[in-house]
Amino acid sequence: MRTTVVALALPLLLVGVSPAFSKGCIRGAAAGGVAGHFVGKGHAVMGAAAGCIVAHHHYAKQARAQRAAARNQR
């Protein structure tokens, strides 16, 4: 049940996100899925969801820093 909720809620969180963030989500999901697979049975999906969220946050933070640096250069 939880897996279904996460699988349905995750795309709703990422609606309207630029391609750079979705690329980060895919990278994070791949890494998290592999890590979750090695942790134990049934953890691959949770690992992929967590990896997507963490990578999305990382790339969003990086983009904010780049925008701030570009504003400060002017």
PDB file of N, CA and C in Angstrom:
ATOM      1  N   MET A   1       0.818  -1.191   0.000  1.00  0.00           N
ATOM      2  CA  MET A   1       0.000   0.000   0.000  1.00  0.00           C
ATOM      3  C   MET A   1       0.863   1.257   0.000  1.00  0.00           C
ATOM      4  N   ARG A   2       1.893   1.277   0.869  1.00  0.00           N
ATOM      5  CA  ARG A   2       2.769   2.431   0.939  1.00  0.00           C
ATOM      6  C   ARG A   2       3.499   2.664  -0.382  1.00  0.00           C
ATOM      7  N   THR A   3       3.913   1.572  -1.020  1.00  0.00           N
ATOM      8  CA  THR A   3       4.621   1.675  -2.296  1.00  0.00           C
ATOM      9  C   THR A   3       3.734   2.332  -3.335  1.00  0.00           C
ATOM     10  N   THR A   4       2.469   1.982  -3.353  1.00  0.00           N
ATOM     11  CA  THR A   4       1.535   2.570  -4.302  1.00  0.00           C
ATOM     12  C   THR A   4       1.353   4.062  -4.036  1.00  0.00           C
ATOM     13  N   VAL A   5       1.247   4.431  -2.791  1.00  0.00           N
ATOM     14  CA  VAL A   5       1.082   5.841  -2.435  1.00  0.00           C
ATOM     15  C   VAL A   5       2.312   6.638  -2.859  1.00  0.00           C
ATOM     16  N   VAL A   6       3.494   6.105  -2.569  1.00  0.00           N
ATOM     17  CA  VAL A   6       4.733   6.797  -2.949  1.00  0.00           C
ATOM     18  C   VAL A   6       4.841   6.895  -4.459  1.00  0.00           C
ATOM     19  N   ALA A   7       4.519   5.809  -5.150  1.00  0.00           N
ATOM     20  CA  ALA A   7       4.618   5.802  -6.610  1.00  0.00           C
ATOM     21  C   ALA A   7       3.648   6.794  -7.244  1.00  0.00           C
ATOM     22  N   LEU A   8       2.508   6.999  -6.653  1.00  0.00           N
ATOM     23  CA  LEU A   8       1.539   7.954  -7.191  1.00  0.00           C
ATOM     24  C   LEU A   8       1.830   9.393  -6.759  1.00  0.00           C
ATOM     25  N   ALA A   9       2.386   9.575  -5.578  1.00  0.00           N
ATOM     26  CA  ALA A   9       2.637  10.926  -5.074  1.00  0.00           C
ATOM     27  C   ALA A   9       3.892  11.545  -5.663  1.00  0.00           C
ATOM     28  N   LEU A  10       4.887  10.741  -5.977  1.00  0.00           N
ATOM     29  CA  LEU A  10       6.151  11.267  -6.469  1.00  0.00           C
ATOM     30  C   LEU A  10       6.013  12.066  -7.759  1.00  0.00           C
ATOM     31  N   PRO A  11       5.295  11.586  -8.775  1.00  0.00           N
ATOM     32  CA  PRO A  11       5.149  12.406  -9.980  1.00  0.00           C
ATOM     33  C   PRO A  11       4.403  13.719  -9.719  1.00  0.00           C
ATOM     34  N   LEU A  12       3.505  13.724  -8.753  1.00  0.00           N
ATOM     35  CA  LEU A  12       2.782  14.948  -8.439  1.00  0.00           C
ATOM     36  C   LEU A  12       3.702  16.001  -7.830  1.00  0.00           C
ATOM     37  N   LEU A  13       4.710  15.559  -7.099  1.00  0.00           N
ATOM     38  CA  LEU A  13       5.661  16.490  -6.510  1.00  0.00           C
ATOM     39  C   LEU A  13       6.563  17.130  -7.560  1.00  0.00           C
ATOM     40  N   LEU A  14       6.776  16.421  -8.655  1.00  0.00           N
ATOM     41  CA  LEU A  14       7.730  16.873  -9.650  1.00  0.00           C
ATOM     42  C   LEU A  14       7.089  17.541 -10.861  1.00  0.00           C
ATOM     43  N   VAL A  15       5.808  17.827 -10.790  1.00  0.00           N
ATOM     44  CA  VAL A  15       5.125  18.477 -11.903  1.00  0.00           C
ATOM     45  C   VAL A  15       5.658  19.901 -12.057  1.00  0.00           C
ATOM     46  N   GLY A  16       5.980  20.257 -13.284  1.00  0.00           N
ATOM     47  CA  GLY A  16       6.455  21.606 -13.548  1.00  0.00           C
ATOM     48  C   GLY A  16       7.913  21.820 -13.229  1.00  0.00           C
ATOM     49  N   VAL A  17       8.684  20.770 -13.124  1.00  0.00           N
ATOM     50  CA  VAL A  17      10.093  20.867 -12.790  1.00  0.00           C
ATOM     51  C   VAL A  17      10.905  20.897 -14.077  1.00  0.00           C
ATOM     52  N   SER A  18      11.968  21.661 -14.090  1.00  0.00           N
ATOM     53  CA  SER A  18      12.791  21.763 -15.294  1.00  0.00           C
ATOM     54  C   SER A  18      13.538  20.460 -15.559  1.00  0.00           C
ATOM     55  N   PRO A  19      14.027  20.267 -16.787  1.00  0.00           N
ATOM     56  CA  PRO A  19      14.704  19.014 -17.146  1.00  0.00           C
ATOM     57  C   PRO A  19      15.935  18.713 -16.294  1.00  0.00           C
ATOM     58  N   ALA A  20      16.648  19.712 -15.846  1.00  0.00           N
ATOM     59  CA  ALA A  20      17.833  19.463 -15.025  1.00  0.00           C
ATOM     60  C   ALA A  20      17.454  18.756 -13.725  1.00  0.00           C
ATOM     61  N   PHE A  21      16.343  19.132 -13.148  1.00  0.00           N
ATOM     62  CA  PHE A  21      15.926  18.497 -11.909  1.00  0.00           C
ATOM     63  C   PHE A  21      15.455  17.070 -12.149  1.00  0.00           C
ATOM     64  N   SER A  22      14.805  16.827 -13.278  1.00  0.00           N
ATOM     65  CA  SER A  22      14.351  15.465 -13.545  1.00  0.00           C
ATOM     66  C   SER A  22      15.532  14.559 -13.843  1.00  0.00           C
ATOM     67  N   LYS A  23      16.588  15.103 -14.465  1.00  0.00           N
ATOM     68  CA  LYS A  23      17.781  14.303 -14.693  1.00  0.00           C
ATOM     69  C   LYS A  23      18.387  13.918 -13.353  1.00  0.00           C
ATOM     70  N   GLY A  24      18.408  14.836 -12.414  1.00  0.00           N
ATOM     71  CA  GLY A  24      18.909  14.532 -11.079  1.00  0.00           C
ATOM     72  C   GLY A  24      18.060  13.496 -10.384  1.00  0.00           C
ATOM     73  N   CYS A  25      16.758  13.558 -10.608  1.00  0.00           N
ATOM     74  CA  CYS A  25      15.859  12.578 -10.008  1.00  0.00           C
ATOM     75  C   CYS A  25      16.148  11.184 -10.556  1.00  0.00           C
ATOM     76  N   ILE A  26      16.379  11.103 -11.852  1.00  0.00           N
ATOM     77  CA  ILE A  26      16.656   9.798 -12.461  1.00  0.00           C
ATOM     78  C   ILE A  26      17.967   9.237 -11.929  1.00  0.00           C
ATOM     79  N   ARG A  27      18.985  10.077 -11.841  1.00  0.00           N
ATOM     80  CA  ARG A  27      20.274   9.622 -11.292  1.00  0.00           C
ATOM     81  C   ARG A  27      20.119   9.171  -9.847  1.00  0.00           C
ATOM     82  N   GLY A  28      19.445   9.950  -9.055  1.00  0.00           N
ATOM     83  CA  GLY A  28      19.251   9.602  -7.650  1.00  0.00           C
ATOM     84  C   GLY A  28      18.420   8.349  -7.471  1.00  0.00           C
ATOM     85  N   ALA A  29      17.394   8.209  -8.313  1.00  0.00           N
ATOM     86  CA  ALA A  29      16.543   7.024  -8.220  1.00  0.00           C
ATOM     87  C   ALA A  29      17.322   5.771  -8.578  1.00  0.00           C
ATOM     88  N   ALA A  30      18.187   5.861  -9.573  1.00  0.00           N
ATOM     89  CA  ALA A  30      18.994   4.708  -9.959  1.00  0.00           C
ATOM     90  C   ALA A  30      19.933   4.311  -8.818  1.00  0.00           C
ATOM     91  N   ALA A  31      20.614   5.285  -8.248  1.00  0.00           N
ATOM     92  CA  ALA A  31      21.538   4.992  -7.149  1.00  0.00           C
ATOM     93  C   ALA A  31      20.782   4.489  -5.916  1.00  0.00           C
ATOM     94  N   GLY A  32      19.681   5.133  -5.596  1.00  0.00           N
ATOM     95  CA  GLY A  32      18.890   4.712  -4.435  1.00  0.00           C
ATOM     96  C   GLY A  32      18.273   3.340  -4.613  1.00  0.00           C
ATOM     97  N   GLY A  33      17.849   3.041  -5.827  1.00  0.00           N
ATOM     98  CA  GLY A  33      17.276   1.721  -6.101  1.00  0.00           C
ATOM     99  C   GLY A  33      18.296   0.614  -5.928  1.00  0.00           C
ATOM    100  N   VAL A  34      19.500   0.843  -6.416  1.00  0.00           N
ATOM    101  CA  VAL A  34      20.569  -0.153  -6.261  1.00  0.00           C
ATOM    102  C   VAL A  34      20.921  -0.314  -4.789  1.00  0.00           C
ATOM    103  N   ALA A  35      21.067   0.804  -4.087  1.00  0.00           N
ATOM    104  CA  ALA A  35      21.395   0.730  -2.659  1.00  0.00           C
ATOM    105  C   ALA A  35      20.288   0.022  -1.885  1.00  0.00           C
ATOM    106  N   GLY A  36      19.041   0.346  -2.189  1.00  0.00           N
ATOM    107  CA  GLY A  36      17.927  -0.301  -1.510  1.00  0.00           C
ATOM    108  C   GLY A  36      17.842  -1.785  -1.805  1.00  0.00           C
ATOM    109  N   HIS A  37      18.216  -2.160  -3.015  1.00  0.00           N
ATOM    110  CA  HIS A  37      18.209  -3.571  -3.396  1.00  0.00           C
ATOM    111  C   HIS A  37      19.185  -4.360  -2.527  1.00  0.00           C
ATOM    112  N   PHE A  38      20.339  -3.781  -2.257  1.00  0.00           N
ATOM    113  CA  PHE A  38      21.332  -4.485  -1.455  1.00  0.00           C
ATOM    114  C   PHE A  38      21.012  -4.450   0.031  1.00  0.00           C
ATOM    115  N   VAL A  39      20.173  -3.521   0.473  1.00  0.00           N
ATOM    116  CA  VAL A  39      19.803  -3.454   1.887  1.00  0.00           C
ATOM    117  C   VAL A  39      18.896  -4.622   2.251  1.00  0.00           C
ATOM    118  N   GLY A  40      17.924  -4.912   1.399  1.00  0.00           N
ATOM    119  CA  GLY A  40      17.036  -6.024   1.714  1.00  0.00           C
ATOM    120  C   GLY A  40      15.842  -6.058   0.790  1.00  0.00           C
ATOM    121  N   LYS A  41      15.076  -7.116   0.914  1.00  0.00           N
ATOM    122  CA  LYS A  41      13.928  -7.327   0.040  1.00  0.00           C
ATOM    123  C   LYS A  41      12.893  -6.222   0.241  1.00  0.00           C
ATOM    124  N   GLY A  42      12.451  -5.630  -0.863  1.00  0.00           N
ATOM    125  CA  GLY A  42      11.408  -4.624  -0.824  1.00  0.00           C
ATOM    126  C   GLY A  42      11.889  -3.203  -0.590  1.00  0.00           C
ATOM    127  N   HIS A  43      13.180  -3.003  -0.433  1.00  0.00           N
ATOM    128  CA  HIS A  43      13.687  -1.671  -0.154  1.00  0.00           C
ATOM    129  C   HIS A  43      14.133  -0.930  -1.407  1.00  0.00           C
ATOM    130  N   ALA A  44      14.138  -1.589  -2.551  1.00  0.00           N
ATOM    131  CA  ALA A  44      14.601  -0.940  -3.777  1.00  0.00           C
ATOM    132  C   ALA A  44      13.690   0.221  -4.170  1.00  0.00           C
ATOM    133  N   VAL A  45      12.394   0.040  -4.050  1.00  0.00           N
ATOM    134  CA  VAL A  45      11.450   1.101  -4.427  1.00  0.00           C
ATOM    135  C   VAL A  45      11.575   2.283  -3.463  1.00  0.00           C
ATOM    136  N   MET A  46      11.676   1.988  -2.179  1.00  0.00           N
ATOM    137  CA  MET A  46      11.834   3.068  -1.208  1.00  0.00           C
ATOM    138  C   MET A  46      13.161   3.781  -1.402  1.00  0.00           C
ATOM    139  N   GLY A  47      14.207   3.028  -1.724  1.00  0.00           N
ATOM    140  CA  GLY A  47      15.507   3.633  -1.987  1.00  0.00           C
ATOM    141  C   GLY A  47      15.472   4.511  -3.217  1.00  0.00           C
ATOM    142  N   ALA A  48      14.766   4.065  -4.256  1.00  0.00           N
ATOM    143  CA  ALA A  48      14.645   4.866  -5.475  1.00  0.00           C
ATOM    144  C   ALA A  48      13.883   6.153  -5.205  1.00  0.00           C
ATOM    145  N   ALA A  49      12.827   6.084  -4.435  1.00  0.00           N
ATOM    146  CA  ALA A  49      12.052   7.287  -4.111  1.00  0.00           C
ATOM    147  C   ALA A  49      12.895   8.256  -3.280  1.00  0.00           C
ATOM    148  N   ALA A  50      13.593   7.742  -2.294  1.00  0.00           N
ATOM    149  CA  ALA A  50      14.437   8.595  -1.461  1.00  0.00           C
ATOM    150  C   ALA A  50      15.577   9.194  -2.280  1.00  0.00           C
ATOM    151  N   GLY A  51      16.179   8.396  -3.152  1.00  0.00           N
ATOM    152  CA  GLY A  51      17.262   8.893  -3.997  1.00  0.00           C
ATOM    153  C   GLY A  51      16.797   9.993  -4.921  1.00  0.00           C
ATOM    154  N   CYS A  52      15.605   9.855  -5.459  1.00  0.00           N
ATOM    155  CA  CYS A  52      15.034  10.874  -6.334  1.00  0.00           C
ATOM    156  C   CYS A  52      14.832  12.175  -5.567  1.00  0.00           C
ATOM    157  N   ILE A  53      14.302  12.090  -4.386  1.00  0.00           N
ATOM    158  CA  ILE A  53      14.036  13.281  -3.583  1.00  0.00           C
ATOM    159  C   ILE A  53      15.336  13.980  -3.197  1.00  0.00           C
ATOM    160  N   VAL A  54      16.332  13.206  -2.768  1.00  0.00           N
ATOM    161  CA  VAL A  54      17.605  13.786  -2.349  1.00  0.00           C
ATOM    162  C   VAL A  54      18.314  14.436  -3.531  1.00  0.00           C
ATOM    163  N   ALA A  55      18.357  13.758  -4.677  1.00  0.00           N
ATOM    164  CA  ALA A  55      19.030  14.317  -5.851  1.00  0.00           C
ATOM    165  C   ALA A  55      18.288  15.553  -6.356  1.00  0.00           C
ATOM    166  N   HIS A  56      16.972  15.527  -6.323  1.00  0.00           N
ATOM    167  CA  HIS A  56      16.187  16.690  -6.739  1.00  0.00           C
ATOM    168  C   HIS A  56      16.522  17.885  -5.851  1.00  0.00           C
ATOM    169  N   HIS A  57      16.609  17.665  -4.551  1.00  0.00           N
ATOM    170  CA  HIS A  57      16.949  18.735  -3.618  1.00  0.00           C
ATOM    171  C   HIS A  57      18.354  19.269  -3.907  1.00  0.00           C
ATOM    172  N   HIS A  58      19.290  18.361  -4.162  1.00  0.00           N
ATOM    173  CA  HIS A  58      20.671  18.759  -4.443  1.00  0.00           C
ATOM    174  C   HIS A  58      20.756  19.636  -5.687  1.00  0.00           C
ATOM    175  N   TYR A  59      20.107  19.220  -6.768  1.00  0.00           N
ATOM    176  CA  TYR A  59      20.165  19.990  -8.008  1.00  0.00           C
ATOM    177  C   TYR A  59      19.405  21.315  -7.893  1.00  0.00           C
ATOM    178  N   ALA A  60      18.346  21.354  -7.123  1.00  0.00           N
ATOM    179  CA  ALA A  60      17.622  22.610  -6.907  1.00  0.00           C
ATOM    180  C   ALA A  60      18.495  23.590  -6.122  1.00  0.00           C
ATOM    181  N   LYS A  61      19.176  23.082  -5.119  1.00  0.00           N
ATOM    182  CA  LYS A  61      20.067  23.917  -4.320  1.00  0.00           C
ATOM    183  C   LYS A  61      21.219  24.440  -5.181  1.00  0.00           C
ATOM    184  N   GLN A  62      21.759  23.592  -6.032  1.00  0.00           N
ATOM    185  CA  GLN A  62      22.838  23.979  -6.927  1.00  0.00           C
ATOM    186  C   GLN A  62      22.366  25.054  -7.911  1.00  0.00           C
ATOM    187  N   ALA A  63      21.167  24.912  -8.440  1.00  0.00           N
ATOM    188  CA  ALA A  63      20.625  25.896  -9.381  1.00  0.00           C
ATOM    189  C   ALA A  63      20.403  27.241  -8.698  1.00  0.00           C
ATOM    190  N   ARG A  64      19.916  27.229  -7.449  1.00  0.00           N
ATOM    191  CA  ARG A  64      19.741  28.478  -6.707  1.00  0.00           C
ATOM    192  C   ARG A  64      21.075  29.180  -6.497  1.00  0.00           C
ATOM    193  N   ALA A  65      22.108  28.411  -6.181  1.00  0.00           N
ATOM    194  CA  ALA A  65      23.432  28.995  -5.977  1.00  0.00           C
ATOM    195  C   ALA A  65      23.970  29.608  -7.273  1.00  0.00           C
ATOM    196  N   GLN A  66      23.735  28.938  -8.395  1.00  0.00           N
ATOM    197  CA  GLN A  66      24.188  29.465  -9.685  1.00  0.00           C
ATOM    198  C   GLN A  66      23.440  30.745 -10.045  1.00  0.00           C
ATOM    199  N   ARG A  67      22.139  30.774  -9.776  1.00  0.00           N
ATOM    200  CA  ARG A  67      21.370  31.996 -10.053  1.00  0.00           C
ATOM    201  C   ARG A  67      21.847  33.157  -9.181  1.00  0.00           C
ATOM    202  N   ALA A  68      22.144  32.867  -7.912  1.00  0.00           N
ATOM    203  CA  ALA A  68      22.633  33.910  -7.007  1.00  0.00           C
ATOM    204  C   ALA A  68      23.998  34.430  -7.455  1.00  0.00           C
ATOM    205  N   ALA A  69      24.858  33.527  -7.905  1.00  0.00           N
ATOM    206  CA  ALA A  69      26.176  33.932  -8.377  1.00  0.00           C
ATOM    207  C   ALA A  69      26.066  34.783  -9.640  1.00  0.00           C
ATOM    208  N   ALA A  70      25.123  34.431 -10.509  1.00  0.00           N
ATOM    209  CA  ALA A  70      24.926  35.199 -11.730  1.00  0.00           C
ATOM    210  C   ALA A  70      24.394  36.599 -11.405  1.00  0.00           C
ATOM    211  N   ARG A  71      23.531  36.714 -10.413  1.00  0.00           N
ATOM    212  CA  ARG A  71      23.000  38.021  -9.999  1.00  0.00           C
ATOM    213  C   ARG A  71      24.094  38.888  -9.373  1.00  0.00           C
ATOM    214  N   ASN A  72      24.995  38.257  -8.637  1.00  0.00           N
ATOM    215  CA  ASN A  72      26.043  39.012  -7.970  1.00  0.00           C
ATOM    216  C   ASN A  72      27.125  39.498  -8.937  1.00  0.00           C
ATOM    217  N   GLN A  73      27.238  38.869 -10.081  1.00  0.00           N
ATOM    218  CA  GLN A  73      28.242  39.261 -11.068  1.00  0.00           C
ATOM    219  C   GLN A  73      27.841  40.538 -11.792  1.00  0.00           C
ATOM    220  N   ARG A  74      26.594  40.842 -11.845  1.00  0.00           N
ATOM    221  CA  ARG A  74      26.122  42.011 -12.589  1.00  0.00           C
ATOM    222  C   ARG A  74      26.519  43.283 -11.945  1.00  0.00           C
TER     223      ARG A  74
END
